[in-house]
Amino acid sequence: AWFRQAPGQGREFVAAIKSVSGVTL
């Protein structure tokens, strides 16, 4: 997955992918 964190903020989910199936979110 990719997460991001802006200054003064918490870590936010951006996108994810399953290794075998390739299903993304």
PDB file of all heavy atoms in Angstrom:
ATOM      1  N   ALA A   1       0.826  -1.200   0.000  1.00  0.00           N
ATOM      2  CA  ALA A   1       0.000   0.000   0.000  1.00  0.00           C
ATOM      3  C   ALA A   1       0.862   1.251   0.000  1.00  0.00           C
ATOM      4  O   ALA A   1       2.060   1.195   0.296  1.00  0.00           O
ATOM      5  CB  ALA A   1      -0.907  -0.002   1.226  1.00  0.00           C
ATOM      6  N   TRP A   2       0.231   2.347  -0.325  1.00  0.00           N
ATOM      7  CA  TRP A   2       0.807   3.679  -0.188  1.00  0.00           C
ATOM      8  C   TRP A   2      -0.013   4.455   0.835  1.00  0.00           C
ATOM      9  O   TRP A   2      -1.249   4.469   0.754  1.00  0.00           O
ATOM     10  CB  TRP A   2       0.818   4.418  -1.515  1.00  0.00           C
ATOM     11  CG  TRP A   2       1.799   3.874  -2.508  1.00  0.00           C
ATOM     12  CD1 TRP A   2       1.540   2.984  -3.513  1.00  0.00           C
ATOM     13  CD2 TRP A   2       3.184   4.194  -2.602  1.00  0.00           C
ATOM     14  NE1 TRP A   2       2.690   2.714  -4.213  1.00  0.00           N
ATOM     15  CE2 TRP A   2       3.721   3.457  -3.680  1.00  0.00           C
ATOM     16  CE3 TRP A   2       4.042   5.023  -1.880  1.00  0.00           C
ATOM     17  CZ2 TRP A   2       5.065   3.529  -4.048  1.00  0.00           C
ATOM     18  CZ3 TRP A   2       5.383   5.102  -2.250  1.00  0.00           C
ATOM     19  CH2 TRP A   2       5.882   4.363  -3.330  1.00  0.00           C
ATOM     20  N   PHE A   3       0.672   5.069   1.749  1.00  0.00           N
ATOM     21  CA  PHE A   3       0.081   6.000   2.699  1.00  0.00           C
ATOM     22  C   PHE A   3       0.801   7.341   2.545  1.00  0.00           C
ATOM     23  O   PHE A   3       1.880   7.401   1.965  1.00  0.00           O
ATOM     24  CB  PHE A   3       0.258   5.499   4.143  1.00  0.00           C
ATOM     25  CG  PHE A   3      -0.610   4.319   4.494  1.00  0.00           C
ATOM     26  CD1 PHE A   3      -0.282   3.042   4.064  1.00  0.00           C
ATOM     27  CD2 PHE A   3      -1.747   4.480   5.265  1.00  0.00           C
ATOM     28  CE1 PHE A   3      -1.080   1.946   4.383  1.00  0.00           C
ATOM     29  CE2 PHE A   3      -2.555   3.400   5.602  1.00  0.00           C
ATOM     30  CZ  PHE A   3      -2.212   2.128   5.153  1.00  0.00           C
ATOM     31  N   ARG A   4       0.192   8.389   3.059  1.00  0.00           N
ATOM     32  CA  ARG A   4       0.853   9.692   3.046  1.00  0.00           C
ATOM     33  C   ARG A   4       0.605  10.418   4.355  1.00  0.00           C
ATOM     34  O   ARG A   4      -0.385  10.173   5.040  1.00  0.00           O
ATOM     35  CB  ARG A   4       0.381  10.531   1.862  1.00  0.00           C
ATOM     36  CG  ARG A   4      -1.089  10.916   1.901  1.00  0.00           C
ATOM     37  CD  ARG A   4      -1.471  11.609   0.598  1.00  0.00           C
ATOM     38  NE  ARG A   4      -2.878  11.998   0.588  1.00  0.00           N
ATOM     39  CZ  ARG A   4      -3.509  12.507  -0.477  1.00  0.00           C
ATOM     40  NH1 ARG A   4      -2.845  12.696  -1.619  1.00  0.00           N
ATOM     41  NH2 ARG A   4      -4.787  12.840  -0.391  1.00  0.00           N
ATOM     42  N   GLN A   5       1.529  11.308   4.673  1.00  0.00           N
ATOM     43  CA  GLN A   5       1.420  12.065   5.898  1.00  0.00           C
ATOM     44  C   GLN A   5       1.842  13.505   5.642  1.00  0.00           C
ATOM     45  O   GLN A   5       3.001  13.765   5.304  1.00  0.00           O
ATOM     46  CB  GLN A   5       2.274  11.451   6.998  1.00  0.00           C
ATOM     47  CG  GLN A   5       2.072  12.081   8.361  1.00  0.00           C
ATOM     48  CD  GLN A   5       2.644  11.226   9.475  1.00  0.00           C
ATOM     49  OE1 GLN A   5       3.428  10.301   9.244  1.00  0.00           O
ATOM     50  NE2 GLN A   5       2.251  11.511  10.699  1.00  0.00           N
ATOM     51  N   ALA A   6       0.902  14.407   5.787  1.00  0.00           N
ATOM     52  CA  ALA A   6       1.174  15.834   5.648  1.00  0.00           C
ATOM     53  C   ALA A   6       1.614  16.386   6.996  1.00  0.00           C
ATOM     54  O   ALA A   6       1.318  15.797   8.042  1.00  0.00           O
ATOM     55  CB  ALA A   6      -0.074  16.552   5.151  1.00  0.00           C
ATOM     56  N   PRO A   7       2.307  17.528   7.017  1.00  0.00           N
ATOM     57  CA  PRO A   7       2.778  18.102   8.280  1.00  0.00           C
ATOM     58  C   PRO A   7       1.640  18.315   9.263  1.00  0.00           C
ATOM     59  O   PRO A   7       0.595  18.876   8.917  1.00  0.00           O
ATOM     60  CB  PRO A   7       3.396  19.430   7.848  1.00  0.00           C
ATOM     61  CG  PRO A   7       3.812  19.208   6.438  1.00  0.00           C
ATOM     62  CD  PRO A   7       2.770  18.299   5.854  1.00  0.00           C
ATOM     63  N   GLY A   8       1.812  17.825  10.482  1.00  0.00           N
ATOM     64  CA  GLY A   8       0.830  18.018  11.534  1.00  0.00           C
ATOM     65  C   GLY A   8      -0.390  17.121  11.434  1.00  0.00           C
ATOM     66  O   GLY A   8      -1.334  17.273  12.213  1.00  0.00           O
ATOM     67  N   GLN A   9      -0.373  16.185  10.485  1.00  0.00           N
ATOM     68  CA  GLN A   9      -1.522  15.306  10.305  1.00  0.00           C
ATOM     69  C   GLN A   9      -1.123  13.848  10.480  1.00  0.00           C
ATOM     70  O   GLN A   9       0.054  13.508  10.489  1.00  0.00           O
ATOM     71  CB  GLN A   9      -2.135  15.517   8.924  1.00  0.00           C
ATOM     72  CG  GLN A   9      -2.651  16.931   8.685  1.00  0.00           C
ATOM     73  CD  GLN A   9      -3.389  17.060   7.372  1.00  0.00           C
ATOM     74  OE1 GLN A   9      -3.827  16.078   6.780  1.00  0.00           O
ATOM     75  NE2 GLN A   9      -3.535  18.285   6.895  1.00  0.00           N
ATOM     76  N   GLY A  10      -2.112  12.999  10.620  1.00  0.00           N
ATOM     77  CA  GLY A  10      -1.866  11.568  10.752  1.00  0.00           C
ATOM     78  C   GLY A  10      -1.574  10.922   9.420  1.00  0.00           C
ATOM     79  O   GLY A  10      -1.673  11.553   8.367  1.00  0.00           O
ATOM     80  N   ARG A  11      -1.177   9.648   9.488  1.00  0.00           N
ATOM     81  CA  ARG A  11      -0.874   8.923   8.267  1.00  0.00           C
ATOM     82  C   ARG A  11      -2.184   8.515   7.593  1.00  0.00           C
ATOM     83  O   ARG A  11      -3.048   7.878   8.203  1.00  0.00           O
ATOM     84  CB  ARG A  11      -0.014   7.705   8.601  1.00  0.00           C
ATOM     85  CG  ARG A  11       0.686   7.116   7.410  1.00  0.00           C
ATOM     86  CD  ARG A  11       1.851   6.264   7.821  1.00  0.00           C
ATOM     87  NE  ARG A  11       2.946   7.060   8.394  1.00  0.00           N
ATOM     88  CZ  ARG A  11       4.164   6.586   8.643  1.00  0.00           C
ATOM     89  NH1 ARG A  11       4.432   5.318   8.376  1.00  0.00           N
ATOM     90  NH2 ARG A  11       5.079   7.360   9.169  1.00  0.00           N
ATOM     91  N   GLU A  12      -2.316   8.847   6.315  1.00  0.00           N
ATOM     92  CA  GLU A  12      -3.557   8.659   5.566  1.00  0.00           C
ATOM     93  C   GLU A  12      -3.387   7.583   4.496  1.00  0.00           C
ATOM     94  O   GLU A  12      -2.399   7.602   3.748  1.00  0.00           O
ATOM     95  CB  GLU A  12      -3.949   9.986   4.899  1.00  0.00           C
ATOM     96  CG  GLU A  12      -5.163   9.920   4.011  1.00  0.00           C
ATOM     97  CD  GLU A  12      -5.355  11.170   3.168  1.00  0.00           C
ATOM     98  OE1 GLU A  12      -4.369  11.906   2.954  1.00  0.00           O
ATOM     99  OE2 GLU A  12      -6.488  11.405   2.700  1.00  0.00           O
ATOM    100  N   PHE A  13      -4.357   6.695   4.400  1.00  0.00           N
ATOM    101  CA  PHE A  13      -4.354   5.675   3.351  1.00  0.00           C
ATOM    102  C   PHE A  13      -4.549   6.320   1.987  1.00  0.00           C
ATOM    103  O   PHE A  13      -5.404   7.196   1.821  1.00  0.00           O
ATOM    104  CB  PHE A  13      -5.463   4.662   3.610  1.00  0.00           C
ATOM    105  CG  PHE A  13      -5.698   3.709   2.473  1.00  0.00           C
ATOM    106  CD1 PHE A  13      -4.827   2.650   2.244  1.00  0.00           C
ATOM    107  CD2 PHE A  13      -6.771   3.868   1.621  1.00  0.00           C
ATOM    108  CE1 PHE A  13      -5.033   1.777   1.198  1.00  0.00           C
ATOM    109  CE2 PHE A  13      -6.998   2.999   0.571  1.00  0.00           C
ATOM    110  CZ  PHE A  13      -6.125   1.955   0.355  1.00  0.00           C
ATOM    111  N   VAL A  14      -3.773   5.855   0.999  1.00  0.00           N
ATOM    112  CA  VAL A  14      -3.910   6.355  -0.362  1.00  0.00           C
ATOM    113  C   VAL A  14      -4.404   5.250  -1.298  1.00  0.00           C
ATOM    114  O   VAL A  14      -5.411   5.404  -1.975  1.00  0.00           O
ATOM    115  CB  VAL A  14      -2.568   6.911  -0.888  1.00  0.00           C
ATOM    116  CG1 VAL A  14      -2.705   7.357  -2.333  1.00  0.00           C
ATOM    117  CG2 VAL A  14      -2.086   8.060  -0.013  1.00  0.00           C
ATOM    118  N   ALA A  15      -3.689   4.141  -1.334  1.00  0.00           N
ATOM    119  CA  ALA A  15      -4.049   3.054  -2.247  1.00  0.00           C
ATOM    120  C   ALA A  15      -3.378   1.773  -1.790  1.00  0.00           C
ATOM    121  O   ALA A  15      -2.356   1.803  -1.104  1.00  0.00           O
ATOM    122  CB  ALA A  15      -3.636   3.381  -3.682  1.00  0.00           C
ATOM    123  N   ALA A  16      -3.973   0.634  -2.187  1.00  0.00           N
ATOM    124  CA  ALA A  16      -3.410  -0.660  -1.825  1.00  0.00           C
ATOM    125  C   ALA A  16      -3.651  -1.664  -2.943  1.00  0.00           C
ATOM    126  O   ALA A  16      -4.573  -1.494  -3.754  1.00  0.00           O
ATOM    127  CB  ALA A  16      -4.015  -1.172  -0.521  1.00  0.00           C
ATOM    128  N   ILE A  17      -2.827  -2.717  -2.952  1.00  0.00           N
ATOM    129  CA  ILE A  17      -2.952  -3.748  -3.967  1.00  0.00           C
ATOM    130  C   ILE A  17      -2.586  -5.099  -3.364  1.00  0.00           C
ATOM    131  O   ILE A  17      -1.639  -5.209  -2.576  1.00  0.00           O
ATOM    132  CB  ILE A  17      -2.053  -3.415  -5.184  1.00  0.00           C
ATOM    133  CG1 ILE A  17      -2.291  -4.404  -6.327  1.00  0.00           C
ATOM    134  CG2 ILE A  17      -0.579  -3.369  -4.796  1.00  0.00           C
ATOM    135  CD1 ILE A  17      -1.680  -3.934  -7.657  1.00  0.00           C
ATOM    136  N   LYS A  18      -3.349  -6.129  -3.696  1.00  0.00           N
ATOM    137  CA  LYS A  18      -3.047  -7.474  -3.229  1.00  0.00           C
ATOM    138  C   LYS A  18      -2.019  -8.097  -4.173  1.00  0.00           C
ATOM    139  O   LYS A  18      -2.105  -7.944  -5.388  1.00  0.00           O
ATOM    140  CB  LYS A  18      -4.315  -8.307  -3.175  1.00  0.00           C
ATOM    141  CG  LYS A  18      -5.286  -7.801  -2.125  1.00  0.00           C
ATOM    142  CD  LYS A  18      -6.541  -8.647  -2.032  1.00  0.00           C
ATOM    143  CE  LYS A  18      -6.298  -9.981  -1.398  1.00  0.00           C
ATOM    144  NZ  LYS A  18      -7.565 -10.703  -1.134  1.00  0.00           N
ATOM    145  N   SER A  19      -1.084  -8.804  -3.602  1.00  0.00           N
ATOM    146  CA  SER A  19       0.069  -9.277  -4.372  1.00  0.00           C
ATOM    147  C   SER A  19      -0.291 -10.316  -5.422  1.00  0.00           C
ATOM    148  O   SER A  19       0.241 -10.292  -6.531  1.00  0.00           O
ATOM    149  CB  SER A  19       1.110  -9.866  -3.412  1.00  0.00           C
ATOM    150  OG  SER A  19       1.579  -8.890  -2.529  1.00  0.00           O
ATOM    151  N   VAL A  20      -1.165 -11.230  -5.106  1.00  0.00           N
ATOM    152  CA  VAL A  20      -1.474 -12.322  -6.037  1.00  0.00           C
ATOM    153  C   VAL A  20      -2.588 -11.930  -7.005  1.00  0.00           C
ATOM    154  O   VAL A  20      -2.437 -12.001  -8.219  1.00  0.00           O
ATOM    155  CB  VAL A  20      -1.844 -13.597  -5.269  1.00  0.00           C
ATOM    156  CG1 VAL A  20      -2.280 -14.696  -6.236  1.00  0.00           C
ATOM    157  CG2 VAL A  20      -0.671 -14.072  -4.427  1.00  0.00           C
ATOM    158  N   SER A  21      -3.710 -11.482  -6.476  1.00  0.00           N
ATOM    159  CA  SER A  21      -4.872 -11.199  -7.330  1.00  0.00           C
ATOM    160  C   SER A  21      -4.752  -9.875  -8.069  1.00  0.00           C
ATOM    161  O   SER A  21      -5.394  -9.680  -9.103  1.00  0.00           O
ATOM    162  CB  SER A  21      -6.141 -11.194  -6.490  1.00  0.00           C
ATOM    163  OG  SER A  21      -6.139 -10.096  -5.595  1.00  0.00           O
ATOM    164  N   GLY A  22      -3.973  -8.936  -7.516  1.00  0.00           N
ATOM    165  CA  GLY A  22      -3.880  -7.618  -8.127  1.00  0.00           C
ATOM    166  C   GLY A  22      -5.055  -6.716  -7.827  1.00  0.00           C
ATOM    167  O   GLY A  22      -5.160  -5.620  -8.391  1.00  0.00           O
ATOM    168  N   VAL A  23      -5.946  -7.151  -6.953  1.00  0.00           N
ATOM    169  CA  VAL A  23      -7.086  -6.319  -6.589  1.00  0.00           C
ATOM    170  C   VAL A  23      -6.577  -5.030  -5.942  1.00  0.00           C
ATOM    171  O   VAL A  23      -5.696  -5.057  -5.088  1.00  0.00           O
ATOM    172  CB  VAL A  23      -8.013  -7.074  -5.621  1.00  0.00           C
ATOM    173  CG1 VAL A  23      -9.058  -6.142  -5.031  1.00  0.00           C
ATOM    174  CG2 VAL A  23      -8.670  -8.238  -6.333  1.00  0.00           C
ATOM    175  N   THR A  24      -7.153  -3.905  -6.362  1.00  0.00           N
ATOM    176  CA  THR A  24      -6.705  -2.615  -5.862  1.00  0.00           C
ATOM    177  C   THR A  24      -7.820  -1.879  -5.133  1.00  0.00           C
ATOM    178  O   THR A  24      -9.003  -2.170  -5.289  1.00  0.00           O
ATOM    179  CB  THR A  24      -6.191  -1.730  -7.004  1.00  0.00           C
ATOM    180  OG1 THR A  24      -7.275  -1.469  -7.913  1.00  0.00           O
ATOM    181  CG2 THR A  24      -5.058  -2.406  -7.754  1.00  0.00           C
ATOM    182  N   LEU A  25      -7.397  -0.902  -4.356  1.00  0.00           N
ATOM    183  CA  LEU A  25      -8.321  -0.040  -3.632  1.00  0.00           C
ATOM    184  C   LEU A  25      -7.681   1.336  -3.563  1.00  0.00           C
ATOM    185  O   LEU A  25      -6.488   1.451  -3.255  1.00  0.00           O
ATOM    186  CB  LEU A  25      -8.561  -0.598  -2.233  1.00  0.00           C
ATOM    187  CG  LEU A  25      -9.749  -0.073  -1.446  1.00  0.00           C
ATOM    188  CD1 LEU A  25     -11.050  -0.419  -2.138  1.00  0.00           C
ATOM    189  CD2 LEU A  25      -9.730  -0.666  -0.033  1.00  0.00           C
TER     190      LEU A  25
END
